[in-house]
Structure formats: structure tokens, C-alpha cells
PDB file of all heavy atoms in Angstrom:
ATOM      1  N   LEU A   1     -21.121  -2.712   3.319  1.00  0.00           N
ATOM      2  CA  LEU A   1     -20.784  -1.675   4.305  1.00  0.00           C
ATOM      3  C   LEU A   1     -22.038  -1.056   4.907  1.00  0.00           C
ATOM      4  O   LEU A   1     -22.019  -0.587   6.044  1.00  0.00           O
ATOM      5  CB  LEU A   1     -19.904  -0.601   3.679  1.00  0.00           C
ATOM      6  CG  LEU A   1     -18.466  -1.009   3.412  1.00  0.00           C
ATOM      7  CD1 LEU A   1     -17.684   0.164   2.839  1.00  0.00           C
ATOM      8  CD2 LEU A   1     -17.786  -1.538   4.657  1.00  0.00           C
ATOM      9  N   ARG A   2     -23.111  -1.054   4.151  1.00  0.00           N
ATOM     10  CA  ARG A   2     -24.365  -0.525   4.693  1.00  0.00           C
ATOM     11  C   ARG A   2     -24.967  -1.489   5.703  1.00  0.00           C
ATOM     12  O   ARG A   2     -25.663  -1.068   6.624  1.00  0.00           O
ATOM     13  CB  ARG A   2     -25.352  -0.254   3.561  1.00  0.00           C
ATOM     14  CG  ARG A   2     -24.986   1.002   2.796  1.00  0.00           C
ATOM     15  CD  ARG A   2     -26.039   1.354   1.774  1.00  0.00           C
ATOM     16  NE  ARG A   2     -25.353   1.360   0.484  1.00  0.00           N
ATOM     17  CZ  ARG A   2     -25.745   0.735  -0.596  1.00  0.00           C
ATOM     18  NH1 ARG A   2     -26.859   0.068  -0.605  1.00  0.00           N
ATOM     19  NH2 ARG A   2     -25.044   0.798  -1.697  1.00  0.00           N
ATOM     20  N   LEU A   3     -24.700  -2.777   5.535  1.00  0.00           N
ATOM     21  CA  LEU A   3     -25.263  -3.791   6.432  1.00  0.00           C
ATOM     22  C   LEU A   3     -24.382  -4.058   7.645  1.00  0.00           C
ATOM     23  O   LEU A   3     -24.876  -4.392   8.715  1.00  0.00           O
ATOM     24  CB  LEU A   3     -25.471  -5.106   5.671  1.00  0.00           C
ATOM     25  CG  LEU A   3     -26.472  -5.072   4.529  1.00  0.00           C
ATOM     26  CD1 LEU A   3     -26.443  -6.388   3.763  1.00  0.00           C
ATOM     27  CD2 LEU A   3     -27.872  -4.806   5.058  1.00  0.00           C
ATOM     28  N   ALA A   4     -23.088  -3.964   7.464  1.00  0.00           N
ATOM     29  CA  ALA A   4     -22.140  -4.304   8.529  1.00  0.00           C
ATOM     30  C   ALA A   4     -21.953  -3.127   9.485  1.00  0.00           C
ATOM     31  O   ALA A   4     -22.055  -1.974   9.086  1.00  0.00           O
ATOM     32  CB  ALA A   4     -20.800  -4.685   7.917  1.00  0.00           C
ATOM     33  N   PRO A   5     -21.653  -3.441  10.736  1.00  0.00           N
ATOM     34  CA  PRO A   5     -21.413  -2.373  11.709  1.00  0.00           C
ATOM     35  C   PRO A   5     -19.982  -1.835  11.595  1.00  0.00           C
ATOM     36  O   PRO A   5     -19.219  -1.825  12.557  1.00  0.00           O
ATOM     37  CB  PRO A   5     -21.658  -3.057  13.050  1.00  0.00           C
ATOM     38  CG  PRO A   5     -21.275  -4.478  12.809  1.00  0.00           C
ATOM     39  CD  PRO A   5     -21.658  -4.755  11.372  1.00  0.00           C
ATOM     40  N   LEU A   6     -19.609  -1.415  10.369  1.00  0.00           N
ATOM     41  CA  LEU A   6     -18.270  -0.881  10.118  1.00  0.00           C
ATOM     42  C   LEU A   6     -18.377   0.587   9.761  1.00  0.00           C
ATOM     43  O   LEU A   6     -19.238   0.977   8.976  1.00  0.00           O
ATOM     44  CB  LEU A   6     -17.606  -1.620   8.952  1.00  0.00           C
ATOM     45  CG  LEU A   6     -17.341  -3.104   9.124  1.00  0.00           C
ATOM     46  CD1 LEU A   6     -16.898  -3.709   7.806  1.00  0.00           C
ATOM     47  CD2 LEU A   6     -16.286  -3.326  10.186  1.00  0.00           C
ATOM     48  N   GLU A   7     -17.486   1.367  10.308  1.00  0.00           N
ATOM     49  CA  GLU A   7     -17.419   2.778   9.949  1.00  0.00           C
ATOM     50  C   GLU A   7     -16.697   2.895   8.611  1.00  0.00           C
ATOM     51  O   GLU A   7     -15.568   2.404   8.469  1.00  0.00           O
ATOM     52  CB  GLU A   7     -16.665   3.576  11.013  1.00  0.00           C
ATOM     53  CG  GLU A   7     -17.411   3.718  12.312  1.00  0.00           C
ATOM     54  CD  GLU A   7     -18.649   4.588  12.158  1.00  0.00           C
ATOM     55  OE1 GLU A   7     -18.633   5.544  11.354  1.00  0.00           O
ATOM     56  OE2 GLU A   7     -19.639   4.287  12.846  1.00  0.00           O
ATOM     57  N   THR A   8     -17.319   3.537   7.653  1.00  0.00           N
ATOM     58  CA  THR A   8     -16.729   3.692   6.328  1.00  0.00           C
ATOM     59  C   THR A   8     -15.379   4.393   6.407  1.00  0.00           C
ATOM     60  O   THR A   8     -14.434   4.007   5.717  1.00  0.00           O
ATOM     61  CB  THR A   8     -17.687   4.465   5.400  1.00  0.00           C
ATOM     62  OG1 THR A   8     -18.933   3.769   5.379  1.00  0.00           O
ATOM     63  CG2 THR A   8     -17.158   4.562   3.999  1.00  0.00           C
ATOM     64  N   THR A   9     -15.281   5.390   7.262  1.00  0.00           N
ATOM     65  CA  THR A   9     -14.016   6.118   7.364  1.00  0.00           C
ATOM     66  C   THR A   9     -12.897   5.218   7.891  1.00  0.00           C
ATOM     67  O   THR A   9     -11.757   5.322   7.441  1.00  0.00           O
ATOM     68  CB  THR A   9     -14.154   7.354   8.264  1.00  0.00           C
ATOM     69  OG1 THR A   9     -14.688   6.962   9.535  1.00  0.00           O
ATOM     70  CG2 THR A   9     -15.057   8.397   7.641  1.00  0.00           C
ATOM     71  N   THR A  10     -13.227   4.329   8.816  1.00  0.00           N
ATOM     72  CA  THR A  10     -12.227   3.404   9.354  1.00  0.00           C
ATOM     73  C   THR A  10     -11.757   2.438   8.273  1.00  0.00           C
ATOM     74  O   THR A  10     -10.545   2.186   8.131  1.00  0.00           O
ATOM     75  CB  THR A  10     -12.802   2.620  10.547  1.00  0.00           C
ATOM     76  OG1 THR A  10     -13.238   3.549  11.539  1.00  0.00           O
ATOM     77  CG2 THR A  10     -11.783   1.670  11.131  1.00  0.00           C
ATOM     78  N   VAL A  11     -12.698   1.900   7.502  1.00  0.00           N
ATOM     79  CA  VAL A  11     -12.338   0.980   6.415  1.00  0.00           C
ATOM     80  C   VAL A  11     -11.475   1.710   5.400  1.00  0.00           C
ATOM     81  O   VAL A  11     -10.445   1.199   4.952  1.00  0.00           O
ATOM     82  CB  VAL A  11     -13.605   0.393   5.757  1.00  0.00           C
ATOM     83  CG1 VAL A  11     -13.247  -0.426   4.521  1.00  0.00           C
ATOM     84  CG2 VAL A  11     -14.385  -0.453   6.755  1.00  0.00           C
ATOM     85  N   ARG A  12     -11.878   2.918   5.028  1.00  0.00           N
ATOM     86  CA  ARG A  12     -11.126   3.711   4.039  1.00  0.00           C
ATOM     87  C   ARG A  12      -9.708   3.972   4.533  1.00  0.00           C
ATOM     88  O   ARG A  12      -8.739   3.786   3.798  1.00  0.00           O
ATOM     89  CB  ARG A  12     -11.855   5.025   3.757  1.00  0.00           C
ATOM     90  CG  ARG A  12     -11.184   5.878   2.693  1.00  0.00           C
ATOM     91  CD  ARG A  12     -12.001   7.127   2.360  1.00  0.00           C
ATOM     92  NE  ARG A  12     -13.119   6.761   1.500  1.00  0.00           N
ATOM     93  CZ  ARG A  12     -14.410   6.882   1.832  1.00  0.00           C
ATOM     94  NH1 ARG A  12     -14.753   7.371   3.005  1.00  0.00           N
ATOM     95  NH2 ARG A  12     -15.352   6.532   0.996  1.00  0.00           N
ATOM     96  N   GLU A  13      -9.554   4.384   5.788  1.00  0.00           N
ATOM     97  CA  GLU A  13      -8.224   4.661   6.340  1.00  0.00           C
ATOM     98  C   GLU A  13      -7.371   3.388   6.400  1.00  0.00           C
ATOM     99  O   GLU A  13      -6.174   3.419   6.093  1.00  0.00           O
ATOM    100  CB  GLU A  13      -8.350   5.274   7.734  1.00  0.00           C
ATOM    101  CG  GLU A  13      -8.873   6.695   7.718  1.00  0.00           C
ATOM    102  CD  GLU A  13      -9.205   7.211   9.118  1.00  0.00           C
ATOM    103  OE1 GLU A  13      -8.850   6.543  10.114  1.00  0.00           O
ATOM    104  OE2 GLU A  13      -9.845   8.274   9.202  1.00  0.00           O
ATOM    105  N   SER A  14      -7.976   2.275   6.760  1.00  0.00           N
ATOM    106  CA  SER A  14      -7.245   1.010   6.824  1.00  0.00           C
ATOM    107  C   SER A  14      -6.760   0.592   5.442  1.00  0.00           C
ATOM    108  O   SER A  14      -5.614   0.160   5.280  1.00  0.00           O
ATOM    109  CB  SER A  14      -8.123  -0.089   7.415  1.00  0.00           C
ATOM    110  OG  SER A  14      -8.436   0.199   8.754  1.00  0.00           O
ATOM    111  N   LEU A  15      -7.622   0.719   4.451  1.00  0.00           N
ATOM    112  CA  LEU A  15      -7.235   0.368   3.088  1.00  0.00           C
ATOM    113  C   LEU A  15      -6.144   1.293   2.562  1.00  0.00           C
ATOM    114  O   LEU A  15      -5.227   0.849   1.875  1.00  0.00           O
ATOM    115  CB  LEU A  15      -8.450   0.379   2.160  1.00  0.00           C
ATOM    116  CG  LEU A  15      -9.440  -0.766   2.374  1.00  0.00           C
ATOM    117  CD1 LEU A  15     -10.699  -0.538   1.552  1.00  0.00           C
ATOM    118  CD2 LEU A  15      -8.800  -2.099   2.053  1.00  0.00           C
ATOM    119  N   ARG A  16      -6.229   2.560   2.904  1.00  0.00           N
ATOM    120  CA  ARG A  16      -5.181   3.498   2.475  1.00  0.00           C
ATOM    121  C   ARG A  16      -3.848   3.161   3.138  1.00  0.00           C
ATOM    122  O   ARG A  16      -2.789   3.313   2.526  1.00  0.00           O
ATOM    123  CB  ARG A  16      -5.603   4.929   2.765  1.00  0.00           C
ATOM    124  CG  ARG A  16      -6.660   5.409   1.799  1.00  0.00           C
ATOM    125  CD  ARG A  16      -7.052   6.834   2.039  1.00  0.00           C
ATOM    126  NE  ARG A  16      -8.024   7.256   1.032  1.00  0.00           N
ATOM    127  CZ  ARG A  16      -8.864   8.248   1.199  1.00  0.00           C
ATOM    128  NH1 ARG A  16      -8.865   8.945   2.322  1.00  0.00           N
ATOM    129  NH2 ARG A  16      -9.717   8.565   0.249  1.00  0.00           N
ATOM    130  N   SER A  17      -3.891   2.690   4.367  1.00  0.00           N
ATOM    131  CA  SER A  17      -2.668   2.289   5.057  1.00  0.00           C
ATOM    132  C   SER A  17      -2.057   1.053   4.386  1.00  0.00           C
ATOM    133  O   SER A  17      -0.840   0.993   4.163  1.00  0.00           O
ATOM    134  CB  SER A  17      -2.981   1.994   6.523  1.00  0.00           C
ATOM    135  OG  SER A  17      -1.852   1.498   7.188  1.00  0.00           O
ATOM    136  N   VAL A  18      -2.894   0.071   4.047  1.00  0.00           N
ATOM    137  CA  VAL A  18      -2.416  -1.123   3.336  1.00  0.00           C
ATOM    138  C   VAL A  18      -1.831  -0.709   1.993  1.00  0.00           C
ATOM    139  O   VAL A  18      -0.759  -1.175   1.594  1.00  0.00           O
ATOM    140  CB  VAL A  18      -3.563  -2.143   3.143  1.00  0.00           C
ATOM    141  CG1 VAL A  18      -3.163  -3.248   2.175  1.00  0.00           C
ATOM    142  CG2 VAL A  18      -3.990  -2.721   4.482  1.00  0.00           C
ATOM    143  N   ARG A  19      -2.532   0.181   1.303  1.00  0.00           N
ATOM    144  CA  ARG A  19      -2.069   0.671   0.000  1.00  0.00           C
ATOM    145  C   ARG A  19      -0.692   1.313   0.125  1.00  0.00           C
ATOM    146  O   ARG A  19       0.205   1.075  -0.684  1.00  0.00           O
ATOM    147  CB  ARG A  19      -3.077   1.668  -0.570  1.00  0.00           C
ATOM    148  CG  ARG A  19      -2.727   2.135  -1.955  1.00  0.00           C
ATOM    149  CD  ARG A  19      -3.475   3.414  -2.304  1.00  0.00           C
ATOM    150  NE  ARG A  19      -3.236   3.809  -3.661  1.00  0.00           N
ATOM    151  CZ  ARG A  19      -2.097   4.303  -4.120  1.00  0.00           C
ATOM    152  NH1 ARG A  19      -1.060   4.445  -3.322  1.00  0.00           N
ATOM    153  NH2 ARG A  19      -1.972   4.647  -5.381  1.00  0.00           N
ATOM    154  N   ALA A  20      -0.505   2.136   1.152  1.00  0.00           N
ATOM    155  CA  ALA A  20       0.779   2.811   1.360  1.00  0.00           C
ATOM    156  C   ALA A  20       1.896   1.794   1.624  1.00  0.00           C
ATOM    157  O   ALA A  20       3.001   1.934   1.086  1.00  0.00           O
ATOM    158  CB  ALA A  20       0.669   3.802   2.519  1.00  0.00           C
ATOM    159  N   ASP A  21       1.600   0.774   2.415  1.00  0.00           N
ATOM    160  CA  ASP A  21       2.600  -0.267   2.692  1.00  0.00           C
ATOM    161  C   ASP A  21       2.974  -1.018   1.418  1.00  0.00           C
ATOM    162  O   ASP A  21       4.157  -1.266   1.158  1.00  0.00           O
ATOM    163  CB  ASP A  21       2.082  -1.247   3.743  1.00  0.00           C
ATOM    164  CG  ASP A  21       1.966  -0.627   5.123  1.00  0.00           C
ATOM    165  OD1 ASP A  21       2.555   0.452   5.358  1.00  0.00           O
ATOM    166  OD2 ASP A  21       1.274  -1.220   5.970  1.00  0.00           O
ATOM    167  N   LEU A  22       1.973  -1.388   0.624  1.00  0.00           N
ATOM    168  CA  LEU A  22       2.246  -2.099  -0.632  1.00  0.00           C
ATOM    169  C   LEU A  22       3.043  -1.226  -1.587  1.00  0.00           C
ATOM    170  O   LEU A  22       3.963  -1.690  -2.255  1.00  0.00           O
ATOM    171  CB  LEU A  22       0.941  -2.544  -1.289  1.00  0.00           C
ATOM    172  CG  LEU A  22       0.157  -3.625  -0.560  1.00  0.00           C
ATOM    173  CD1 LEU A  22      -1.182  -3.865  -1.254  1.00  0.00           C
ATOM    174  CD2 LEU A  22       0.956  -4.904  -0.453  1.00  0.00           C
ATOM    175  N   ASN A  23       2.681   0.047  -1.637  1.00  0.00           N
ATOM    176  CA  ASN A  23       3.399   0.978  -2.509  1.00  0.00           C
ATOM    177  C   ASN A  23       4.862   1.095  -2.093  1.00  0.00           C
ATOM    178  O   ASN A  23       5.753   1.153  -2.948  1.00  0.00           O
ATOM    179  CB  ASN A  23       2.711   2.341  -2.502  1.00  0.00           C
ATOM    180  CG  ASN A  23       3.128   3.187  -3.665  1.00  0.00           C
ATOM    181  OD1 ASN A  23       3.100   2.728  -4.804  1.00  0.00           O
ATOM    182  ND2 ASN A  23       3.511   4.422  -3.390  1.00  0.00           N
ATOM    183  N   ALA A  24       5.122   1.101  -0.802  1.00  0.00           N
ATOM    184  CA  ALA A  24       6.510   1.166  -0.317  1.00  0.00           C
ATOM    185  C   ALA A  24       7.295  -0.069  -0.762  1.00  0.00           C
ATOM    186  O   ALA A  24       8.468   0.039  -1.148  1.00  0.00           O
ATOM    187  CB  ALA A  24       6.529   1.294   1.204  1.00  0.00           C
ATOM    188  N   VAL A  25       6.661  -1.231  -0.737  1.00  0.00           N
ATOM    189  CA  VAL A  25       7.333  -2.447  -1.184  1.00  0.00           C
ATOM    190  C   VAL A  25       7.620  -2.377  -2.680  1.00  0.00           C
ATOM    191  O   VAL A  25       8.728  -2.703  -3.130  1.00  0.00           O
ATOM    192  CB  VAL A  25       6.492  -3.700  -0.843  1.00  0.00           C
ATOM    193  CG1 VAL A  25       7.102  -4.953  -1.454  1.00  0.00           C
ATOM    194  CG2 VAL A  25       6.352  -3.859   0.659  1.00  0.00           C
ATOM    195  N   VAL A  26       6.638  -1.936  -3.471  1.00  0.00           N
ATOM    196  CA  VAL A  26       6.834  -1.802  -4.922  1.00  0.00           C
ATOM    197  C   VAL A  26       7.976  -0.838  -5.211  1.00  0.00           C
ATOM    198  O   VAL A  26       8.843  -1.119  -6.045  1.00  0.00           O
ATOM    199  CB  VAL A  26       5.534  -1.346  -5.620  1.00  0.00           C
ATOM    200  CG1 VAL A  26       5.779  -0.973  -7.072  1.00  0.00           C
ATOM    201  CG2 VAL A  26       4.470  -2.436  -5.528  1.00  0.00           C
ATOM    202  N   GLU A  27       8.006   0.295  -4.519  1.00  0.00           N
ATOM    203  CA  GLU A  27       9.077   1.271  -4.720  1.00  0.00           C
ATOM    204  C   GLU A  27      10.431   0.691  -4.331  1.00  0.00           C
ATOM    205  O   GLU A  27      11.434   0.939  -4.998  1.00  0.00           O
ATOM    206  CB  GLU A  27       8.784   2.544  -3.936  1.00  0.00           C
ATOM    207  CG  GLU A  27       7.656   3.354  -4.531  1.00  0.00           C
ATOM    208  CD  GLU A  27       7.290   4.569  -3.684  1.00  0.00           C
ATOM    209  OE1 GLU A  27       7.928   4.802  -2.621  1.00  0.00           O
ATOM    210  OE2 GLU A  27       6.357   5.282  -4.085  1.00  0.00           O
ATOM    211  N   SER A  28      10.468  -0.109  -3.272  1.00  0.00           N
ATOM    212  CA  SER A  28      11.717  -0.741  -2.849  1.00  0.00           C
ATOM    213  C   SER A  28      12.214  -1.722  -3.909  1.00  0.00           C
ATOM    214  O   SER A  28      13.409  -1.762  -4.224  1.00  0.00           O
ATOM    215  CB  SER A  28      11.507  -1.458  -1.517  1.00  0.00           C
ATOM    216  OG  SER A  28      12.642  -2.186  -1.164  1.00  0.00           O
ATOM    217  N   ILE A  29      11.296  -2.494  -4.468  1.00  0.00           N
ATOM    218  CA  ILE A  29      11.672  -3.442  -5.521  1.00  0.00           C
ATOM    219  C   ILE A  29      12.191  -2.687  -6.742  1.00  0.00           C
ATOM    220  O   ILE A  29      13.214  -3.053  -7.322  1.00  0.00           O
ATOM    221  CB  ILE A  29      10.473  -4.341  -5.895  1.00  0.00           C
ATOM    222  CG1 ILE A  29      10.148  -5.296  -4.740  1.00  0.00           C
ATOM    223  CG2 ILE A  29      10.749  -5.123  -7.182  1.00  0.00           C
ATOM    224  CD1 ILE A  29       8.838  -6.037  -4.898  1.00  0.00           C
ATOM    225  N   ALA A  30      11.509  -1.617  -7.122  1.00  0.00           N
ATOM    226  CA  ALA A  30      11.931  -0.823  -8.283  1.00  0.00           C
ATOM    227  C   ALA A  30      13.293  -0.190  -8.036  1.00  0.00           C
ATOM    228  O   ALA A  30      14.151  -0.174  -8.925  1.00  0.00           O
ATOM    229  CB  ALA A  30      10.889   0.245  -8.589  1.00  0.00           C
ATOM    230  N   SER A  31      13.504   0.312  -6.828  1.00  0.00           N
ATOM    231  CA  SER A  31      14.783   0.933  -6.490  1.00  0.00           C
ATOM    232  C   SER A  31      15.914  -0.095  -6.546  1.00  0.00           C
ATOM    233  O   SER A  31      16.984   0.177  -7.089  1.00  0.00           O
ATOM    234  CB  SER A  31      14.697   1.550  -5.097  1.00  0.00           C
ATOM    235  OG  SER A  31      15.941   2.038  -4.689  1.00  0.00           O
ATOM    236  N   ARG A  32      15.652  -1.263  -6.015  1.00  0.00           N
ATOM    237  CA  ARG A  32      16.660  -2.327  -6.026  1.00  0.00           C
ATOM    238  C   ARG A  32      16.973  -2.754  -7.461  1.00  0.00           C
ATOM    239  O   ARG A  32      18.129  -2.970  -7.816  1.00  0.00           O
ATOM    240  CB  ARG A  32      16.159  -3.519  -5.212  1.00  0.00           C
ATOM    241  CG  ARG A  32      17.228  -4.516  -4.900  1.00  0.00           C
ATOM    242  CD  ARG A  32      16.766  -5.542  -3.894  1.00  0.00           C
ATOM    243  NE  ARG A  32      16.364  -4.881  -2.659  1.00  0.00           N
ATOM    244  CZ  ARG A  32      15.330  -5.259  -1.909  1.00  0.00           C
ATOM    245  NH1 ARG A  32      14.617  -6.292  -2.245  1.00  0.00           N
ATOM    246  NH2 ARG A  32      15.039  -4.612  -0.806  1.00  0.00           N
ATOM    247  N   ALA A  33      15.948  -2.848  -8.290  1.00  0.00           N
ATOM    248  CA  ALA A  33      16.151  -3.228  -9.694  1.00  0.00           C
ATOM    249  C   ALA A  33      16.968  -2.170 -10.419  1.00  0.00           C
ATOM    250  O   ALA A  33      17.839  -2.496 -11.231  1.00  0.00           O
ATOM    251  CB  ALA A  33      14.799  -3.433 -10.384  1.00  0.00           C
ATOM    252  N   THR A  34      16.719  -0.901 -10.125  1.00  0.00           N
ATOM    253  CA  THR A  34      17.468   0.182 -10.744  1.00  0.00           C
ATOM    254  C   THR A  34      18.929   0.130 -10.329  1.00  0.00           C
ATOM    255  O   THR A  34      19.826   0.276 -11.169  1.00  0.00           O
ATOM    256  CB  THR A  34      16.860   1.553 -10.357  1.00  0.00           C
ATOM    257  OG1 THR A  34      15.499   1.580 -10.790  1.00  0.00           O
ATOM    258  CG2 THR A  34      17.614   2.694 -10.990  1.00  0.00           C
ATOM    259  N   ARG A  35      19.181  -0.101  -9.050  1.00  0.00           N
ATOM    260  CA  ARG A  35      20.557  -0.205  -8.551  1.00  0.00           C
ATOM    261  C   ARG A  35      21.272  -1.396  -9.190  1.00  0.00           C
ATOM    262  O   ARG A  35      22.420  -1.301  -9.592  1.00  0.00           O
ATOM    263  CB  ARG A  35      20.588  -0.338  -7.035  1.00  0.00           C
ATOM    264  CG  ARG A  35      20.413   0.954  -6.301  1.00  0.00           C
ATOM    265  CD  ARG A  35      20.776   0.783  -4.836  1.00  0.00           C
ATOM    266  NE  ARG A  35      20.117  -0.370  -4.239  1.00  0.00           N
ATOM    267  CZ  ARG A  35      19.060  -0.328  -3.446  1.00  0.00           C
ATOM    268  NH1 ARG A  35      18.527   0.828  -3.143  1.00  0.00           N
ATOM    269  NH2 ARG A  35      18.541  -1.419  -2.941  1.00  0.00           N
ATOM    270  N   ASN A  36      20.562  -2.526  -9.299  1.00  0.00           N
ATOM    271  CA  ASN A  36      21.173  -3.731  -9.868  1.00  0.00           C
ATOM    272  C   ASN A  36      21.467  -3.562 -11.355  1.00  0.00           C
ATOM    273  O   ASN A  36      22.455  -4.093 -11.852  1.00  0.00           O
ATOM    274  CB  ASN A  36      20.285  -4.955  -9.638  1.00  0.00           C
ATOM    275  CG  ASN A  36      20.277  -5.368  -8.193  1.00  0.00           C
ATOM    276  OD1 ASN A  36      21.143  -4.975  -7.400  1.00  0.00           O
ATOM    277  ND2 ASN A  36      19.277  -6.137  -7.823  1.00  0.00           N
ATOM    278  N   SER A  37      20.620  -2.830 -12.068  1.00  0.00           N
ATOM    279  CA  SER A  37      20.856  -2.643 -13.501  1.00  0.00           C
ATOM    280  C   SER A  37      21.977  -1.648 -13.751  1.00  0.00           C
ATOM    281  O   SER A  37      22.598  -1.665 -14.802  1.00  0.00           O
ATOM    282  CB  SER A  37      19.576  -2.183 -14.199  1.00  0.00           C
ATOM    283  OG  SER A  37      19.208  -0.892 -13.768  1.00  0.00           O
ATOM    284  N   ALA A  38      22.290  -0.793 -12.763  1.00  0.00           N
ATOM    285  CA  ALA A  38      23.365   0.183 -12.906  1.00  0.00           C
ATOM    286  C   ALA A  38      24.739  -0.434 -12.628  1.00  0.00           C
ATOM    287  O   ALA A  38      25.757   0.125 -13.012  1.00  0.00           O
ATOM    288  CB  ALA A  38      23.134   1.358 -11.966  1.00  0.00           C
ATOM    289  N   VAL A  39      24.748  -1.612 -11.989  1.00  0.00           N
ATOM    290  CA  VAL A  39      26.019  -2.275 -11.687  1.00  0.00           C
ATOM    291  C   VAL A  39      26.513  -2.988 -12.949  1.00  0.00           C
ATOM    292  O   VAL A  39      25.778  -3.756 -13.559  1.00  0.00           O
ATOM    293  CB  VAL A  39      25.812  -3.304 -10.530  1.00  0.00           C
ATOM    294  CG1 VAL A  39      27.093  -4.085 -10.294  1.00  0.00           C
ATOM    295  CG2 VAL A  39      25.357  -2.605  -9.281  1.00  0.00           C
TER     296      VAL A  39
END
């Protein structure tokens, strides 16, 4: 990051956005598993 012409804040925000998307998928899978185990 020190060598590349990348803004650290931009990289950090992009990674946090990816993290949020992945977390939403994990939560969806967990929610679906909970619903399926209750049936």
C-alpha cells in the first residue's frame, strides 16, 4: 500500500463493504438453517 497509488481509506472502505456482503450471506445461511431445523 505504501508503494501502490492506492488510497488506504478507499481500500479499507472497499474491504469493509465486501465484509458486510459476506456477513449478510453468512447470516442468511444461518437463518435458513434455523428455520429448517425448526420444521
